[in-house]
Amino acid sequence: MKRPSHDVPDSVPAWYKPQPRSPFLVYSSDTIIDIQRTLSCAETGEMDEPTINHIKGLQHISGIDPSGIITLETAQAIQRLRDRYGSNDNLQR
């Protein structure tokens, strides 16, 4: 018997934007700060090496290729953390 999931099905987070080459060209500093806050790293507003390492760590534990790039699956994992452990409604498009 399959147990019901209490998690909301994953959807595309409103703030997610595909990264064609560089996250520096995609996300505003406010969005990066919110991602950093969610991942508990220094809130610099820049997609710096510590932030990318935190993203890679989340990807690793989530079974996602640890590229450091915010893919749709990575955005969904970040959103799940936000939804479970406290929301931050400042994530912008």
PDB file of N, CA and C in Angstrom:
ATOM      1  N   MET A   1       0.835  -1.171   0.000  1.00  0.00           N
ATOM      2  CA  MET A   1       0.000   0.000   0.000  1.00  0.00           C
ATOM      3  C   MET A   1       0.888   1.244   0.000  1.00  0.00           C
ATOM      4  N   LYS A   2       0.608   2.166  -0.912  1.00  0.00           N
ATOM      5  CA  LYS A   2       1.384   3.397  -1.022  1.00  0.00           C
ATOM      6  C   LYS A   2       0.905   4.382   0.028  1.00  0.00           C
ATOM      7  N   ARG A   3       1.879   4.955   0.748  1.00  0.00           N
ATOM      8  CA  ARG A   3       1.534   5.926   1.776  1.00  0.00           C
ATOM      9  C   ARG A   3       1.348   7.296   1.138  1.00  0.00           C
ATOM     10  N   PRO A   4       0.381   8.055   1.601  1.00  0.00           N
ATOM     11  CA  PRO A   4       0.171   9.387   1.036  1.00  0.00           C
ATOM     12  C   PRO A   4       1.306  10.321   1.437  1.00  0.00           C
ATOM     13  N   SER A   5       1.668  11.178   0.544  1.00  0.00           N
ATOM     14  CA  SER A   5       2.702  12.166   0.821  1.00  0.00           C
ATOM     15  C   SER A   5       2.054  13.413   1.398  1.00  0.00           C
ATOM     16  N   HIS A   6       2.705  13.988   2.383  1.00  0.00           N
ATOM     17  CA  HIS A   6       2.205  15.214   2.987  1.00  0.00           C
ATOM     18  C   HIS A   6       2.833  16.439   2.336  1.00  0.00           C
ATOM     19  N   ASP A   7       3.779  16.196   1.432  1.00  0.00           N
ATOM     20  CA  ASP A   7       4.420  17.303   0.736  1.00  0.00           C
ATOM     21  C   ASP A   7       3.551  17.750  -0.423  1.00  0.00           C
ATOM     22  N   VAL A   8       3.583  19.024  -0.673  1.00  0.00           N
ATOM     23  CA  VAL A   8       2.894  19.572  -1.837  1.00  0.00           C
ATOM     24  C   VAL A   8       3.691  19.150  -3.067  1.00  0.00           C
ATOM     25  N   PRO A   9       3.036  18.735  -4.131  1.00  0.00           N
ATOM     26  CA  PRO A   9       3.774  18.351  -5.338  1.00  0.00           C
ATOM     27  C   PRO A   9       4.648  19.505  -5.825  1.00  0.00           C
ATOM     28  N   ASP A  10       5.815  19.151  -6.343  1.00  0.00           N
ATOM     29  CA  ASP A  10       6.732  20.172  -6.831  1.00  0.00           C
ATOM     30  C   ASP A  10       6.151  20.870  -8.051  1.00  0.00           C
ATOM     31  N   SER A  11       6.317  22.159  -8.062  1.00  0.00           N
ATOM     32  CA  SER A  11       5.953  22.960  -9.225  1.00  0.00           C
ATOM     33  C   SER A  11       7.118  23.896  -9.492  1.00  0.00           C
ATOM     34  N   VAL A  12       7.046  24.657 -10.528  1.00  0.00           N
ATOM     35  CA  VAL A  12       8.118  25.583 -10.850  1.00  0.00           C
ATOM     36  C   VAL A  12       8.001  26.791  -9.922  1.00  0.00           C
ATOM     37  N   PRO A  13       9.028  27.047  -9.083  1.00  0.00           N
ATOM     38  CA  PRO A  13       8.968  28.222  -8.213  1.00  0.00           C
ATOM     39  C   PRO A  13       8.870  29.502  -9.049  1.00  0.00           C
ATOM     40  N   ALA A  14       8.095  30.454  -8.580  1.00  0.00           N
ATOM     41  CA  ALA A  14       7.875  31.694  -9.324  1.00  0.00           C
ATOM     42  C   ALA A  14       9.180  32.449  -9.580  1.00  0.00           C
ATOM     43  N   TRP A  15      10.147  32.287  -8.698  1.00  0.00           N
ATOM     44  CA  TRP A  15      11.407  33.030  -8.832  1.00  0.00           C
ATOM     45  C   TRP A  15      12.413  32.351  -9.754  1.00  0.00           C
ATOM     46  N   TYR A  16      12.173  31.112 -10.145  1.00  0.00           N
ATOM     47  CA  TYR A  16      13.137  30.342 -10.939  1.00  0.00           C
ATOM     48  C   TYR A  16      13.275  30.892 -12.354  1.00  0.00           C
ATOM     49  N   LYS A  17      14.524  30.994 -12.803  1.00  0.00           N
ATOM     50  CA  LYS A  17      14.832  31.360 -14.184  1.00  0.00           C
ATOM     51  C   LYS A  17      15.937  30.422 -14.658  1.00  0.00           C
ATOM     52  N   PRO A  18      15.798  29.847 -15.834  1.00  0.00           N
ATOM     53  CA  PRO A  18      16.870  28.985 -16.343  1.00  0.00           C
ATOM     54  C   PRO A  18      18.171  29.767 -16.470  1.00  0.00           C
ATOM     55  N   GLN A  19      19.277  29.093 -16.206  1.00  0.00           N
ATOM     56  CA  GLN A  19      20.587  29.720 -16.281  1.00  0.00           C
ATOM     57  C   GLN A  19      21.275  29.278 -17.565  1.00  0.00           C
ATOM     58  N   PRO A  20      21.238  30.077 -18.601  1.00  0.00           N
ATOM     59  CA  PRO A  20      21.857  29.658 -19.854  1.00  0.00           C
ATOM     60  C   PRO A  20      23.376  29.500 -19.740  1.00  0.00           C
ATOM     61  N   ARG A  21      24.022  30.401 -19.053  1.00  0.00           N
ATOM     62  CA  ARG A  21      25.474  30.317 -18.895  1.00  0.00           C
ATOM     63  C   ARG A  21      25.939  30.707 -17.500  1.00  0.00           C
ATOM     64  N   SER A  22      25.330  31.712 -16.937  1.00  0.00           N
ATOM     65  CA  SER A  22      25.842  32.249 -15.682  1.00  0.00           C
ATOM     66  C   SER A  22      24.707  32.724 -14.784  1.00  0.00           C
ATOM     67  N   PRO A  23      24.742  32.348 -13.494  1.00  0.00           N
ATOM     68  CA  PRO A  23      23.718  32.833 -12.565  1.00  0.00           C
ATOM     69  C   PRO A  23      23.834  34.331 -12.326  1.00  0.00           C
ATOM     70  N   PHE A  24      25.007  34.908 -12.613  1.00  0.00           N
ATOM     71  CA  PHE A  24      25.206  36.334 -12.401  1.00  0.00           C
ATOM     72  C   PHE A  24      24.310  37.151 -13.328  1.00  0.00           C
ATOM     73  N   LEU A  25      23.930  36.584 -14.463  1.00  0.00           N
ATOM     74  CA  LEU A  25      23.117  37.290 -15.441  1.00  0.00           C
ATOM     75  C   LEU A  25      21.635  37.030 -15.258  1.00  0.00           C
ATOM     76  N   VAL A  26      21.273  36.146 -14.349  1.00  0.00           N
ATOM     77  CA  VAL A  26      19.893  35.693 -14.253  1.00  0.00           C
ATOM     78  C   VAL A  26      19.171  36.252 -13.030  1.00  0.00           C
ATOM     79  N   TYR A  27      19.768  36.164 -11.855  1.00  0.00           N
ATOM     80  CA  TYR A  27      19.085  36.508 -10.614  1.00  0.00           C
ATOM     81  C   TYR A  27      19.524  37.854 -10.064  1.00  0.00           C
ATOM     82  N   SER A  28      18.547  38.580  -9.515  1.00  0.00           N
ATOM     83  CA  SER A  28      18.855  39.843  -8.851  1.00  0.00           C
ATOM     84  C   SER A  28      19.576  39.544  -7.535  1.00  0.00           C
ATOM     85  N   SER A  29      20.236  40.559  -6.998  1.00  0.00           N
ATOM     86  CA  SER A  29      20.939  40.345  -5.725  1.00  0.00           C
ATOM     87  C   SER A  29      19.953  40.009  -4.612  1.00  0.00           C
ATOM     88  N   ASP A  30      18.732  40.558  -4.661  1.00  0.00           N
ATOM     89  CA  ASP A  30      17.723  40.228  -3.646  1.00  0.00           C
ATOM     90  C   ASP A  30      17.350  38.750  -3.696  1.00  0.00           C
ATOM     91  N   THR A  31      17.200  38.206  -4.895  1.00  0.00           N
ATOM     92  CA  THR A  31      16.879  36.791  -5.034  1.00  0.00           C
ATOM     93  C   THR A  31      18.037  35.932  -4.552  1.00  0.00           C
ATOM     94  N   ILE A  32      19.261  36.324  -4.882  1.00  0.00           N
ATOM     95  CA  ILE A  32      20.433  35.575  -4.426  1.00  0.00           C
ATOM     96  C   ILE A  32      20.523  35.609  -2.907  1.00  0.00           C
ATOM     97  N   ILE A  33      20.245  36.754  -2.305  1.00  0.00           N
ATOM     98  CA  ILE A  33      20.259  36.848  -0.831  1.00  0.00           C
ATOM     99  C   ILE A  33      19.224  35.893  -0.235  1.00  0.00           C
ATOM    100  N   ASP A  34      18.052  35.822  -0.829  1.00  0.00           N
ATOM    101  CA  ASP A  34      17.024  34.908  -0.320  1.00  0.00           C
ATOM    102  C   ASP A  34      17.440  33.453  -0.470  1.00  0.00           C
ATOM    103  N   ILE A  35      18.092  33.135  -1.569  1.00  0.00           N
ATOM    104  CA  ILE A  35      18.620  31.775  -1.748  1.00  0.00           C
ATOM    105  C   ILE A  35      19.689  31.505  -0.696  1.00  0.00           C
ATOM    106  N   GLN A  36      20.576  32.467  -0.477  1.00  0.00           N
ATOM    107  CA  GLN A  36      21.622  32.308   0.534  1.00  0.00           C
ATOM    108  C   GLN A  36      21.027  32.133   1.921  1.00  0.00           C
ATOM    109  N   ARG A  37      20.006  32.895   2.238  1.00  0.00           N
ATOM    110  CA  ARG A  37      19.345  32.772   3.539  1.00  0.00           C
ATOM    111  C   ARG A  37      18.733  31.382   3.696  1.00  0.00           C
ATOM    112  N   THR A  38      18.112  30.880   2.648  1.00  0.00           N
ATOM    113  CA  THR A  38      17.510  29.554   2.682  1.00  0.00           C
ATOM    114  C   THR A  38      18.565  28.476   2.890  1.00  0.00           C
ATOM    115  N   LEU A  39      19.737  28.661   2.267  1.00  0.00           N
ATOM    116  CA  LEU A  39      20.809  27.668   2.366  1.00  0.00           C
ATOM    117  C   LEU A  39      21.746  27.930   3.546  1.00  0.00           C
ATOM    118  N   SER A  40      21.428  28.922   4.365  1.00  0.00           N
ATOM    119  CA  SER A  40      22.221  29.259   5.556  1.00  0.00           C
ATOM    120  C   SER A  40      23.677  29.561   5.231  1.00  0.00           C
ATOM    121  N   CYS A  41      23.874  30.418   4.251  1.00  0.00           N
ATOM    122  CA  CYS A  41      25.235  30.879   3.973  1.00  0.00           C
ATOM    123  C   CYS A  41      25.255  32.406   4.018  1.00  0.00           C
ATOM    124  N   ALA A  42      26.434  32.980   3.982  1.00  0.00           N
ATOM    125  CA  ALA A  42      26.582  34.434   4.089  1.00  0.00           C
ATOM    126  C   ALA A  42      25.752  35.137   3.018  1.00  0.00           C
ATOM    127  N   GLU A  43      25.018  36.150   3.446  1.00  0.00           N
ATOM    128  CA  GLU A  43      24.122  36.872   2.545  1.00  0.00           C
ATOM    129  C   GLU A  43      24.862  38.034   1.885  1.00  0.00           C
ATOM    130  N   THR A  44      25.559  37.718   0.801  1.00  0.00           N
ATOM    131  CA  THR A  44      26.343  38.719   0.084  1.00  0.00           C
ATOM    132  C   THR A  44      25.606  39.318  -1.104  1.00  0.00           C
ATOM    133  N   GLY A  45      24.589  38.629  -1.588  1.00  0.00           N
ATOM    134  CA  GLY A  45      23.886  39.088  -2.772  1.00  0.00           C
ATOM    135  C   GLY A  45      24.606  38.758  -4.059  1.00  0.00           C
ATOM    136  N   GLU A  46      25.693  38.009  -3.928  1.00  0.00           N
ATOM    137  CA  GLU A  46      26.476  37.602  -5.093  1.00  0.00           C
ATOM    138  C   GLU A  46      26.541  36.086  -5.153  1.00  0.00           C
ATOM    139  N   MET A  47      26.564  35.560  -6.346  1.00  0.00           N
ATOM    140  CA  MET A  47      26.685  34.121  -6.528  1.00  0.00           C
ATOM    141  C   MET A  47      28.176  33.783  -6.414  1.00  0.00           C
ATOM    142  N   ASP A  48      28.656  33.852  -5.166  1.00  0.00           N
ATOM    143  CA  ASP A  48      30.073  33.657  -4.898  1.00  0.00           C
ATOM    144  C   ASP A  48      30.387  32.175  -4.651  1.00  0.00           C
ATOM    145  N   GLU A  49      31.655  31.881  -4.453  1.00  0.00           N
ATOM    146  CA  GLU A  49      32.079  30.485  -4.290  1.00  0.00           C
ATOM    147  C   GLU A  49      31.411  29.792  -3.107  1.00  0.00           C
ATOM    148  N   PRO A  50      31.310  30.433  -1.922  1.00  0.00           N
ATOM    149  CA  PRO A  50      30.615  29.755  -0.815  1.00  0.00           C
ATOM    150  C   PRO A  50      29.155  29.438  -1.143  1.00  0.00           C
ATOM    151  N   THR A  51      28.475  30.330  -1.847  1.00  0.00           N
ATOM    152  CA  THR A  51      27.081  30.092  -2.219  1.00  0.00           C
ATOM    153  C   THR A  51      26.984  28.918  -3.183  1.00  0.00           C
ATOM    154  N   ILE A  52      27.851  28.901  -4.171  1.00  0.00           N
ATOM    155  CA  ILE A  52      27.855  27.800  -5.135  1.00  0.00           C
ATOM    156  C   ILE A  52      28.156  26.482  -4.427  1.00  0.00           C
ATOM    157  N   ASN A  53      29.049  26.506  -3.445  1.00  0.00           N
ATOM    158  CA  ASN A  53      29.339  25.284  -2.688  1.00  0.00           C
ATOM    159  C   ASN A  53      28.127  24.819  -1.895  1.00  0.00           C
ATOM    160  N   HIS A  54      27.358  25.749  -1.324  1.00  0.00           N
ATOM    161  CA  HIS A  54      26.134  25.375  -0.619  1.00  0.00           C
ATOM    162  C   HIS A  54      25.113  24.792  -1.589  1.00  0.00           C
ATOM    163  N   ILE A  55      25.018  25.370  -2.777  1.00  0.00           N
ATOM    164  CA  ILE A  55      24.107  24.838  -3.788  1.00  0.00           C
ATOM    165  C   ILE A  55      24.532  23.427  -4.174  1.00  0.00           C
ATOM    166  N   LYS A  56      25.833  23.222  -4.359  1.00  0.00           N
ATOM    167  CA  LYS A  56      26.332  21.880  -4.697  1.00  0.00           C
ATOM    168  C   LYS A  56      26.015  20.887  -3.589  1.00  0.00           C
ATOM    169  N   GLY A  57      26.144  21.315  -2.338  1.00  0.00           N
ATOM    170  CA  GLY A  57      25.825  20.438  -1.208  1.00  0.00           C
ATOM    171  C   GLY A  57      24.359  20.041  -1.207  1.00  0.00           C
ATOM    172  N   LEU A  58      23.480  21.019  -1.442  1.00  0.00           N
ATOM    173  CA  LEU A  58      22.051  20.715  -1.524  1.00  0.00           C
ATOM    174  C   LEU A  58      21.779  19.764  -2.687  1.00  0.00           C
ATOM    175  N   GLN A  59      22.420  20.000  -3.807  1.00  0.00           N
ATOM    176  CA  GLN A  59      22.235  19.121  -4.955  1.00  0.00           C
ATOM    177  C   GLN A  59      22.686  17.702  -4.627  1.00  0.00           C
ATOM    178  N   HIS A  60      23.820  17.585  -3.970  1.00  0.00           N
ATOM    179  CA  HIS A  60      24.346  16.265  -3.625  1.00  0.00           C
ATOM    180  C   HIS A  60      23.368  15.493  -2.738  1.00  0.00           C
ATOM    181  N   ILE A  61      22.896  16.128  -1.676  1.00  0.00           N
ATOM    182  CA  ILE A  61      22.007  15.410  -0.752  1.00  0.00           C
ATOM    183  C   ILE A  61      20.622  15.190  -1.352  1.00  0.00           C
ATOM    184  N   SER A  62      20.300  15.938  -2.414  1.00  0.00           N
ATOM    185  CA  SER A  62      19.005  15.779  -3.080  1.00  0.00           C
ATOM    186  C   SER A  62      19.065  14.830  -4.269  1.00  0.00           C
ATOM    187  N   GLY A  63      20.247  14.275  -4.538  1.00  0.00           N
ATOM    188  CA  GLY A  63      20.385  13.351  -5.652  1.00  0.00           C
ATOM    189  C   GLY A  63      20.419  14.037  -7.011  1.00  0.00           C
ATOM    190  N   ILE A  64      20.828  15.306  -7.016  1.00  0.00           N
ATOM    191  CA  ILE A  64      20.930  16.093  -8.245  1.00  0.00           C
ATOM    192  C   ILE A  64      22.411  16.226  -8.576  1.00  0.00           C
ATOM    193  N   ASP A  65      22.750  16.217  -9.859  1.00  0.00           N
ATOM    194  CA  ASP A  65      24.144  16.414 -10.264  1.00  0.00           C
ATOM    195  C   ASP A  65      24.662  17.701  -9.630  1.00  0.00           C
ATOM    196  N   PRO A  66      25.723  17.611  -8.797  1.00  0.00           N
ATOM    197  CA  PRO A  66      26.213  18.795  -8.078  1.00  0.00           C
ATOM    198  C   PRO A  66      27.019  19.747  -8.972  1.00  0.00           C
ATOM    199  N   SER A  67      26.309  20.470  -9.822  1.00  0.00           N
ATOM    200  CA  SER A  67      26.947  21.386 -10.768  1.00  0.00           C
ATOM    201  C   SER A  67      27.105  22.796 -10.209  1.00  0.00           C
ATOM    202  N   GLY A  68      26.318  23.132  -9.194  1.00  0.00           N
ATOM    203  CA  GLY A  68      26.334  24.498  -8.672  1.00  0.00           C
ATOM    204  C   GLY A  68      25.429  25.421  -9.464  1.00  0.00           C
ATOM    205  N   ILE A  69      24.809  24.902 -10.512  1.00  0.00           N
ATOM    206  CA  ILE A  69      23.884  25.678 -11.332  1.00  0.00           C
ATOM    207  C   ILE A  69      22.468  25.423 -10.830  1.00  0.00           C
ATOM    208  N   ILE A  70      21.675  26.480 -10.748  1.00  0.00           N
ATOM    209  CA  ILE A  70      20.314  26.330 -10.267  1.00  0.00           C
ATOM    210  C   ILE A  70      19.441  25.844 -11.417  1.00  0.00           C
ATOM    211  N   THR A  71      19.318  24.521 -11.482  1.00  0.00           N
ATOM    212  CA  THR A  71      18.426  23.881 -12.451  1.00  0.00           C
ATOM    213  C   THR A  71      17.015  23.907 -11.883  1.00  0.00           C
ATOM    214  N   LEU A  72      16.058  23.477 -12.672  1.00  0.00           N
ATOM    215  CA  LEU A  72      14.685  23.404 -12.168  1.00  0.00           C
ATOM    216  C   LEU A  72      14.618  22.514 -10.934  1.00  0.00           C
ATOM    217  N   GLU A  73      15.285  21.365 -10.971  1.00  0.00           N
ATOM    218  CA  GLU A  73      15.268  20.446  -9.821  1.00  0.00           C
ATOM    219  C   GLU A  73      15.889  21.106  -8.595  1.00  0.00           C
ATOM    220  N   THR A  74      16.944  21.886  -8.793  1.00  0.00           N
ATOM    221  CA  THR A  74      17.592  22.586  -7.680  1.00  0.00           C
ATOM    222  C   THR A  74      16.666  23.663  -7.126  1.00  0.00           C
ATOM    223  N   ALA A  75      16.012  24.402  -8.005  1.00  0.00           N
ATOM    224  CA  ALA A  75      15.068  25.430  -7.556  1.00  0.00           C
ATOM    225  C   ALA A  75      13.952  24.803  -6.734  1.00  0.00           C
ATOM    226  N   GLN A  76      13.474  23.642  -7.176  1.00  0.00           N
ATOM    227  CA  GLN A  76      12.426  22.953  -6.427  1.00  0.00           C
ATOM    228  C   GLN A  76      12.935  22.506  -5.060  1.00  0.00           C
ATOM    229  N   ALA A  77      14.190  22.057  -4.978  1.00  0.00           N
ATOM    230  CA  ALA A  77      14.766  21.647  -3.686  1.00  0.00           C
ATOM    231  C   ALA A  77      14.904  22.853  -2.759  1.00  0.00           C
ATOM    232  N   ILE A  78      15.330  23.988  -3.303  1.00  0.00           N
ATOM    233  CA  ILE A  78      15.427  25.215  -2.499  1.00  0.00           C
ATOM    234  C   ILE A  78      14.039  25.616  -2.018  1.00  0.00           C
ATOM    235  N   GLN A  79      13.066  25.554  -2.903  1.00  0.00           N
ATOM    236  CA  GLN A  79      11.699  25.928  -2.541  1.00  0.00           C
ATOM    237  C   GLN A  79      11.144  25.003  -1.465  1.00  0.00           C
ATOM    238  N   ARG A  80      11.448  23.703  -1.550  1.00  0.00           N
ATOM    239  CA  ARG A  80      10.999  22.759  -0.509  1.00  0.00           C
ATOM    240  C   ARG A  80      11.576  23.148   0.848  1.00  0.00           C
ATOM    241  N   LEU A  81      12.854  23.539   0.885  1.00  0.00           N
ATOM    242  CA  LEU A  81      13.453  23.988   2.143  1.00  0.00           C
ATOM    243  C   LEU A  81      12.729  25.215   2.682  1.00  0.00           C
ATOM    244  N   ARG A  82      12.463  26.156   1.803  1.00  0.00           N
ATOM    245  CA  ARG A  82      11.751  27.371   2.221  1.00  0.00           C
ATOM    246  C   ARG A  82      10.370  27.034   2.769  1.00  0.00           C
ATOM    247  N   ASP A  83       9.683  26.138   2.082  1.00  0.00           N
ATOM    248  CA  ASP A  83       8.329  25.783   2.492  1.00  0.00           C
ATOM    249  C   ASP A  83       8.307  25.030   3.818  1.00  0.00           C
ATOM    250  N   ARG A  84       9.307  24.213   4.057  1.00  0.00           N
ATOM    251  CA  ARG A  84       9.332  23.403   5.280  1.00  0.00           C
ATOM    252  C   ARG A  84       9.865  24.151   6.486  1.00  0.00           C
ATOM    253  N   TYR A  85      10.868  24.983   6.290  1.00  0.00           N
ATOM    254  CA  TYR A  85      11.577  25.560   7.429  1.00  0.00           C
ATOM    255  C   TYR A  85      11.429  27.061   7.548  1.00  0.00           C
ATOM    256  N   GLY A  86      10.461  27.607   6.901  1.00  0.00           N
ATOM    257  CA  GLY A  86      10.208  29.034   7.034  1.00  0.00           C
ATOM    258  C   GLY A  86      10.257  29.713   5.691  1.00  0.00           C
ATOM    259  N   SER A  87       9.242  30.483   5.449  1.00  0.00           N
ATOM    260  CA  SER A  87       9.188  31.144   4.147  1.00  0.00           C
ATOM    261  C   SER A  87       9.865  32.486   4.214  1.00  0.00           C
ATOM    262  N   ASN A  88      10.282  32.913   3.059  1.00  0.00           N
ATOM    263  CA  ASN A  88      10.829  34.238   2.892  1.00  0.00           C
ATOM    264  C   ASN A  88      10.182  34.749   1.620  1.00  0.00           C
ATOM    265  N   ASP A  89       9.236  35.618   1.756  1.00  0.00           N
ATOM    266  CA  ASP A  89       8.437  36.032   0.611  1.00  0.00           C
ATOM    267  C   ASP A  89       9.113  37.074  -0.265  1.00  0.00           C
ATOM    268  N   ASN A  90      10.405  37.287  -0.080  1.00  0.00           N
ATOM    269  CA  ASN A  90      11.094  38.306  -0.871  1.00  0.00           C
ATOM    270  C   ASN A  90      11.652  37.769  -2.178  1.00  0.00           C
ATOM    271  N   LEU A  91      11.590  36.455  -2.408  1.00  0.00           N
ATOM    272  CA  LEU A  91      12.121  35.935  -3.676  1.00  0.00           C
ATOM    273  C   LEU A  91      11.343  36.564  -4.818  1.00  0.00           C
ATOM    274  N   GLN A  92      12.086  37.141  -5.730  1.00  0.00           N
ATOM    275  CA  GLN A  92      11.456  37.871  -6.830  1.00  0.00           C
ATOM    276  C   GLN A  92      11.798  37.240  -8.140  1.00  0.00           C
ATOM    277  N   ARG A  93      11.045  37.578  -9.146  1.00  0.00           N
ATOM    278  CA  ARG A  93      11.299  37.091 -10.504  1.00  0.00           C
ATOM    279  C   ARG A  93      12.410  37.873 -11.133  1.00  0.00           C
TER     280      ARG A  93
END
